[in-house]
Amino acid sequence: MKPGDHPEFFRFPPPEGRSRESKIRLDSEGRFFDHDSPVEHPKLAAALHTWISRHPDDGRYILTNGYDWTYFTVDDVPFFVRSIKTEREGCGGGPEACDAILILSDGTEEPLEPSTVRVGPLGDLYLEVKHETKDGPFDAKMTRFAQTQLGPFLTEEEGAAVLTTRRGRVRLPA
């Protein structure tokens, strides 16, 4: 049994002489920093993305690996859509019959839910992900690369873009 499986895990005090607060920050482009220095080791950065969660008592963002945890700062959103692939199984007759599968910054995949997509103040696309996790849903932002992969799922109606997948459709404001 990992310590993280204990029902009081998030209530245990930090190790002696340590704090649960950290200087780790996730910026608005999905890059981790520690004390304002970028986390440059690719495997450590990838691991940090997989450790993102919420504290069960206060809802603040934490990093936890099941053995220890710490609070960290999120500048924008905790997850990012790195790319999108088309789920072709059972697909026929166009993208509206297909699912857009999101590849998230933590390496997981899940179908895009069009009803959760919204446009941010700078034109970036945001959405909700991880509805099925115990501490979800979470907000995510599409990288520019992921946004370019939405093309097959977009049509234009009355001057507005419409995103359509097997799971639904949403009109995106200009």
C-alpha atoms as a PDB file:
ATOM      1  CA  MET A   1       0.000   0.000   0.000  1.00  0.00           C
ATOM      2  CA  LYS A   2       1.412   3.367  -1.038  1.00  0.00           C
ATOM      3  CA  PRO A   3       1.134   6.207   1.482  1.00  0.00           C
ATOM      4  CA  GLY A   4      -1.178   7.982  -0.995  1.00  0.00           C
ATOM      5  CA  ASP A   5      -3.740   5.205  -0.523  1.00  0.00           C
ATOM      6  CA  HIS A   6      -4.152   6.086   3.171  1.00  0.00           C
ATOM      7  CA  PRO A   7      -7.399   8.056   3.778  1.00  0.00           C
ATOM      8  CA  GLU A   8      -5.505  10.724   5.775  1.00  0.00           C
ATOM      9  CA  PHE A   9      -2.571  11.055   3.329  1.00  0.00           C
ATOM     10  CA  PHE A  10      -3.340  14.678   2.442  1.00  0.00           C
ATOM     11  CA  ARG A  11      -3.704  15.638   6.084  1.00  0.00           C
ATOM     12  CA  PHE A  12      -0.307  14.316   7.224  1.00  0.00           C
ATOM     13  CA  PRO A  13       2.122  17.090   8.154  1.00  0.00           C
ATOM     14  CA  PRO A  14       5.068  17.698   5.829  1.00  0.00           C
ATOM     15  CA  PRO A  15       8.405  16.072   6.622  1.00  0.00           C
ATOM     16  CA  GLU A  16      10.225  17.803   9.471  1.00  0.00           C
ATOM     17  CA  GLY A  17      11.718  21.136   8.437  1.00  0.00           C
ATOM     18  CA  ARG A  18       9.786  21.161   5.152  1.00  0.00           C
ATOM     19  CA  SER A  19       6.672  22.917   3.868  1.00  0.00           C
ATOM     20  CA  ARG A  20       3.818  21.803   1.629  1.00  0.00           C
ATOM     21  CA  GLU A  21       4.215  25.078  -0.305  1.00  0.00           C
ATOM     22  CA  SER A  22       6.639  24.969  -3.232  1.00  0.00           C
ATOM     23  CA  LYS A  23       8.167  27.337  -5.763  1.00  0.00           C
ATOM     24  CA  ILE A  24       7.070  25.073  -8.624  1.00  0.00           C
ATOM     25  CA  ARG A  25       4.988  26.839 -11.262  1.00  0.00           C
ATOM     26  CA  LEU A  26       3.204  25.707 -14.426  1.00  0.00           C
ATOM     27  CA  ASP A  27       3.116  28.548 -16.940  1.00  0.00           C
ATOM     28  CA  SER A  28       0.406  29.373 -19.486  1.00  0.00           C
ATOM     29  CA  GLU A  29       2.233  27.390 -22.201  1.00  0.00           C
ATOM     30  CA  GLY A  30       2.456  24.171 -20.152  1.00  0.00           C
ATOM     31  CA  ARG A  31       6.088  24.511 -19.019  1.00  0.00           C
ATOM     32  CA  PHE A  32       7.170  23.806 -15.454  1.00  0.00           C
ATOM     33  CA  PHE A  33       9.497  26.135 -13.570  1.00  0.00           C
ATOM     34  CA  ASP A  34      11.181  25.718 -10.191  1.00  0.00           C
ATOM     35  CA  HIS A  35      12.273  28.957  -8.526  1.00  0.00           C
ATOM     36  CA  ASP A  36      11.826  30.703 -11.916  1.00  0.00           C
ATOM     37  CA  SER A  37      14.215  28.261 -13.651  1.00  0.00           C
ATOM     38  CA  PRO A  38      12.691  26.029 -16.318  1.00  0.00           C
ATOM     39  CA  VAL A  39      12.512  22.325 -15.577  1.00  0.00           C
ATOM     40  CA  GLU A  40      14.711  21.182 -18.437  1.00  0.00           C
ATOM     41  CA  HIS A  41      14.914  17.442 -17.854  1.00  0.00           C
ATOM     42  CA  PRO A  42      12.260  16.015 -20.210  1.00  0.00           C
ATOM     43  CA  LYS A  43      11.404  12.988 -18.058  1.00  0.00           C
ATOM     44  CA  LEU A  44      11.024  15.077 -14.923  1.00  0.00           C
ATOM     45  CA  ALA A  45       8.803  17.562 -16.771  1.00  0.00           C
ATOM     46  CA  ALA A  46       6.706  14.672 -18.132  1.00  0.00           C
ATOM     47  CA  ALA A  47       6.425  13.153 -14.645  1.00  0.00           C
ATOM     48  CA  LEU A  48       5.291  16.464 -13.143  1.00  0.00           C
ATOM     49  CA  HIS A  49       2.435  16.578 -15.663  1.00  0.00           C
ATOM     50  CA  THR A  50       1.283  13.131 -14.489  1.00  0.00           C
ATOM     51  CA  TRP A  51       1.323  14.180 -10.819  1.00  0.00           C
ATOM     52  CA  ILE A  52      -1.207  17.020 -11.128  1.00  0.00           C
ATOM     53  CA  SER A  53      -4.209  16.747  -8.830  1.00  0.00           C
ATOM     54  CA  ARG A  54      -6.323  18.786  -6.420  1.00  0.00           C
ATOM     55  CA  HIS A  55      -6.126  18.748  -2.660  1.00  0.00           C
ATOM     56  CA  PRO A  56      -9.326  17.061  -1.433  1.00  0.00           C
ATOM     57  CA  ASP A  57      -9.918  19.589   1.353  1.00  0.00           C
ATOM     58  CA  ASP A  58      -9.155  22.990  -0.171  1.00  0.00           C
ATOM     59  CA  GLY A  59      -9.228  22.275  -3.932  1.00  0.00           C
ATOM     60  CA  ARG A  60      -5.815  23.857  -4.528  1.00  0.00           C
ATOM     61  CA  TYR A  61      -3.590  22.341  -7.183  1.00  0.00           C
ATOM     62  CA  ILE A  62      -1.022  19.854  -5.942  1.00  0.00           C
ATOM     63  CA  LEU A  63       1.626  17.567  -7.327  1.00  0.00           C
ATOM     64  CA  THR A  64       1.467  14.066  -5.862  1.00  0.00           C
ATOM     65  CA  ASN A  65       3.251  10.864  -6.745  1.00  0.00           C
ATOM     66  CA  GLY A  66       1.533   8.753  -4.102  1.00  0.00           C
ATOM     67  CA  TYR A  67       4.466   9.027  -1.690  1.00  0.00           C
ATOM     68  CA  ASP A  68       4.463  12.748  -1.033  1.00  0.00           C
ATOM     69  CA  TRP A  69       2.669  15.887  -2.232  1.00  0.00           C
ATOM     70  CA  THR A  70       3.138  19.644  -2.482  1.00  0.00           C
ATOM     71  CA  TYR A  71       1.147  22.668  -3.552  1.00  0.00           C
ATOM     72  CA  PHE A  72       2.235  24.384  -6.760  1.00  0.00           C
ATOM     73  CA  THR A  73       1.187  27.424  -8.781  1.00  0.00           C
ATOM     74  CA  VAL A  74      -0.807  27.201 -12.011  1.00  0.00           C
ATOM     75  CA  ASP A  75      -0.668  30.371 -14.122  1.00  0.00           C
ATOM     76  CA  ASP A  76      -3.553  29.441 -16.435  1.00  0.00           C
ATOM     77  CA  VAL A  77      -4.764  25.821 -16.544  1.00  0.00           C
ATOM     78  CA  PRO A  78      -3.367  22.547 -15.157  1.00  0.00           C
ATOM     79  CA  PHE A  79      -3.674  20.524 -18.384  1.00  0.00           C
ATOM     80  CA  PHE A  80      -2.917  21.124 -22.041  1.00  0.00           C
ATOM     81  CA  VAL A  81      -4.111  19.411 -25.208  1.00  0.00           C
ATOM     82  CA  ARG A  82      -0.860  18.601 -27.019  1.00  0.00           C
ATOM     83  CA  SER A  83      -2.456  17.058 -30.108  1.00  0.00           C
ATOM     84  CA  ILE A  84      -5.675  15.594 -31.500  1.00  0.00           C
ATOM     85  CA  LYS A  85      -6.242  12.413 -33.423  1.00  0.00           C
ATOM     86  CA  THR A  86      -9.348  11.194 -35.203  1.00  0.00           C
ATOM     87  CA  GLU A  87     -10.994   8.068 -33.855  1.00  0.00           C
ATOM     88  CA  ARG A  88     -11.781   6.310 -37.102  1.00  0.00           C
ATOM     89  CA  GLU A  89     -13.526   3.227 -35.701  1.00  0.00           C
ATOM     90  CA  GLY A  90     -17.179   3.346 -36.719  1.00  0.00           C
ATOM     91  CA  CYS A  91     -16.488   6.581 -38.570  1.00  0.00           C
ATOM     92  CA  GLY A  92     -18.135   7.147 -41.889  1.00  0.00           C
ATOM     93  CA  GLY A  93     -19.524   9.986 -43.899  1.00  0.00           C
ATOM     94  CA  GLY A  94     -17.447  12.801 -42.447  1.00  0.00           C
ATOM     95  CA  PRO A  95     -15.960  14.165 -39.221  1.00  0.00           C
ATOM     96  CA  GLU A  96     -19.352  14.661 -37.567  1.00  0.00           C
ATOM     97  CA  ALA A  97     -19.508  10.873 -37.303  1.00  0.00           C
ATOM     98  CA  CYS A  98     -16.032  10.688 -35.695  1.00  0.00           C
ATOM     99  CA  ASP A  99     -14.603  11.408 -32.284  1.00  0.00           C
ATOM    100  CA  ALA A 100     -11.728  13.823 -31.819  1.00  0.00           C
ATOM    101  CA  ILE A 101      -9.360  12.183 -29.325  1.00  0.00           C
ATOM    102  CA  LEU A 102      -7.361  14.593 -27.179  1.00  0.00           C
ATOM    103  CA  ILE A 103      -3.771  13.771 -26.279  1.00  0.00           C
ATOM    104  CA  LEU A 104      -3.228  15.559 -22.962  1.00  0.00           C
ATOM    105  CA  SER A 105      -0.069  16.880 -21.351  1.00  0.00           C
ATOM    106  CA  ASP A 106      -0.067  13.993 -18.854  1.00  0.00           C
ATOM    107  CA  GLY A 107      -0.027  11.449 -21.703  1.00  0.00           C
ATOM    108  CA  THR A 108      -3.640  10.371 -21.296  1.00  0.00           C
ATOM    109  CA  GLU A 109      -6.186  10.343 -24.089  1.00  0.00           C
ATOM    110  CA  GLU A 110      -9.884  11.106 -24.029  1.00  0.00           C
ATOM    111  CA  PRO A 111     -12.628  12.162 -26.447  1.00  0.00           C
ATOM    112  CA  LEU A 112     -13.257  15.864 -26.934  1.00  0.00           C
ATOM    113  CA  GLU A 113     -16.589  16.980 -25.483  1.00  0.00           C
ATOM    114  CA  PRO A 114     -17.638  19.889 -27.755  1.00  0.00           C
ATOM    115  CA  SER A 115     -20.086  21.270 -25.189  1.00  0.00           C
ATOM    116  CA  THR A 116     -17.161  22.206 -22.902  1.00  0.00           C
ATOM    117  CA  VAL A 117     -15.145  24.158 -25.524  1.00  0.00           C
ATOM    118  CA  ARG A 118     -14.880  27.916 -25.116  1.00  0.00           C
ATOM    119  CA  VAL A 119     -12.739  30.679 -26.577  1.00  0.00           C
ATOM    120  CA  GLY A 120     -10.406  32.545 -24.224  1.00  0.00           C
ATOM    121  CA  PRO A 121      -9.748  36.295 -24.284  1.00  0.00           C
ATOM    122  CA  LEU A 122      -6.709  35.869 -26.574  1.00  0.00           C
ATOM    123  CA  GLY A 123      -8.445  33.442 -28.956  1.00  0.00           C
ATOM    124  CA  ASP A 124      -7.073  30.253 -27.375  1.00  0.00           C
ATOM    125  CA  LEU A 125      -9.451  27.312 -27.070  1.00  0.00           C
ATOM    126  CA  TYR A 126     -10.194  26.035 -23.578  1.00  0.00           C
ATOM    127  CA  LEU A 127     -12.221  23.006 -22.527  1.00  0.00           C
ATOM    128  CA  GLU A 128     -12.892  20.653 -19.658  1.00  0.00           C
ATOM    129  CA  VAL A 129     -11.106  17.320 -19.359  1.00  0.00           C
ATOM    130  CA  LYS A 130     -10.848  14.455 -16.886  1.00  0.00           C
ATOM    131  CA  HIS A 131     -14.545  14.328 -16.008  1.00  0.00           C
ATOM    132  CA  GLU A 132     -14.125  10.725 -14.872  1.00  0.00           C
ATOM    133  CA  THR A 133     -11.307  11.323 -12.376  1.00  0.00           C
ATOM    134  CA  LYS A 134     -12.031  11.554  -8.673  1.00  0.00           C
ATOM    135  CA  ASP A 135     -10.912  15.182  -8.496  1.00  0.00           C
ATOM    136  CA  GLY A 136     -12.045  16.286 -11.981  1.00  0.00           C
ATOM    137  CA  PRO A 137     -13.103  17.899 -14.128  1.00  0.00           C
ATOM    138  CA  PHE A 138     -10.126  20.128 -14.891  1.00  0.00           C
ATOM    139  CA  ASP A 139      -9.693  23.009 -17.302  1.00  0.00           C
ATOM    140  CA  ALA A 140      -7.319  22.523 -20.215  1.00  0.00           C
ATOM    141  CA  LYS A 141      -6.020  24.704 -23.013  1.00  0.00           C
ATOM    142  CA  MET A 142      -5.322  23.573 -26.545  1.00  0.00           C
ATOM    143  CA  THR A 143      -1.824  24.225 -27.793  1.00  0.00           C
ATOM    144  CA  ARG A 144      -1.571  26.017 -31.108  1.00  0.00           C
ATOM    145  CA  PHE A 145      -0.571  22.716 -32.720  1.00  0.00           C
ATOM    146  CA  ALA A 146      -3.679  20.970 -31.336  1.00  0.00           C
ATOM    147  CA  GLN A 147      -5.879  23.809 -32.584  1.00  0.00           C
ATOM    148  CA  THR A 148      -4.540  23.295 -36.122  1.00  0.00           C
ATOM    149  CA  GLN A 149      -5.602  19.641 -35.929  1.00  0.00           C
ATOM    150  CA  LEU A 150      -9.251  20.609 -35.421  1.00  0.00           C
ATOM    151  CA  GLY A 151      -9.638  21.450 -39.129  1.00  0.00           C
ATOM    152  CA  PRO A 152     -11.496  18.251 -40.104  1.00  0.00           C
ATOM    153  CA  PHE A 153     -14.039  18.910 -37.338  1.00  0.00           C
ATOM    154  CA  LEU A 154     -14.759  22.540 -38.266  1.00  0.00           C
ATOM    155  CA  THR A 155     -17.334  23.979 -40.625  1.00  0.00           C
ATOM    156  CA  GLU A 156     -18.542  27.514 -41.167  1.00  0.00           C
ATOM    157  CA  GLU A 157     -22.138  28.544 -40.574  1.00  0.00           C
ATOM    158  CA  GLU A 158     -23.291  32.156 -40.872  1.00  0.00           C
ATOM    159  CA  GLY A 159     -19.733  33.435 -40.473  1.00  0.00           C
ATOM    160  CA  ALA A 160     -18.978  31.413 -37.335  1.00  0.00           C
ATOM    161  CA  ALA A 161     -16.896  28.283 -36.884  1.00  0.00           C
ATOM    162  CA  VAL A 162     -18.817  25.208 -35.750  1.00  0.00           C
ATOM    163  CA  LEU A 163     -16.981  22.328 -34.089  1.00  0.00           C
ATOM    164  CA  THR A 164     -18.730  18.992 -34.672  1.00  0.00           C
ATOM    165  CA  THR A 165     -17.850  15.489 -33.485  1.00  0.00           C
ATOM    166  CA  ARG A 166     -19.801  12.330 -32.769  1.00  0.00           C
ATOM    167  CA  ARG A 167     -20.346  13.697 -29.247  1.00  0.00           C
ATOM    168  CA  GLY A 168     -21.964  16.962 -30.295  1.00  0.00           C
ATOM    169  CA  ARG A 169     -21.385  20.375 -31.759  1.00  0.00           C
ATOM    170  CA  VAL A 170     -20.620  23.855 -30.562  1.00  0.00           C
ATOM    171  CA  ARG A 171     -20.612  27.220 -32.316  1.00  0.00           C
ATOM    172  CA  LEU A 172     -17.390  29.077 -31.563  1.00  0.00           C
ATOM    173  CA  PRO A 173     -17.651  32.846 -31.210  1.00  0.00           C
ATOM    174  CA  ALA A 174     -15.561  34.866 -33.656  1.00  0.00           C
END
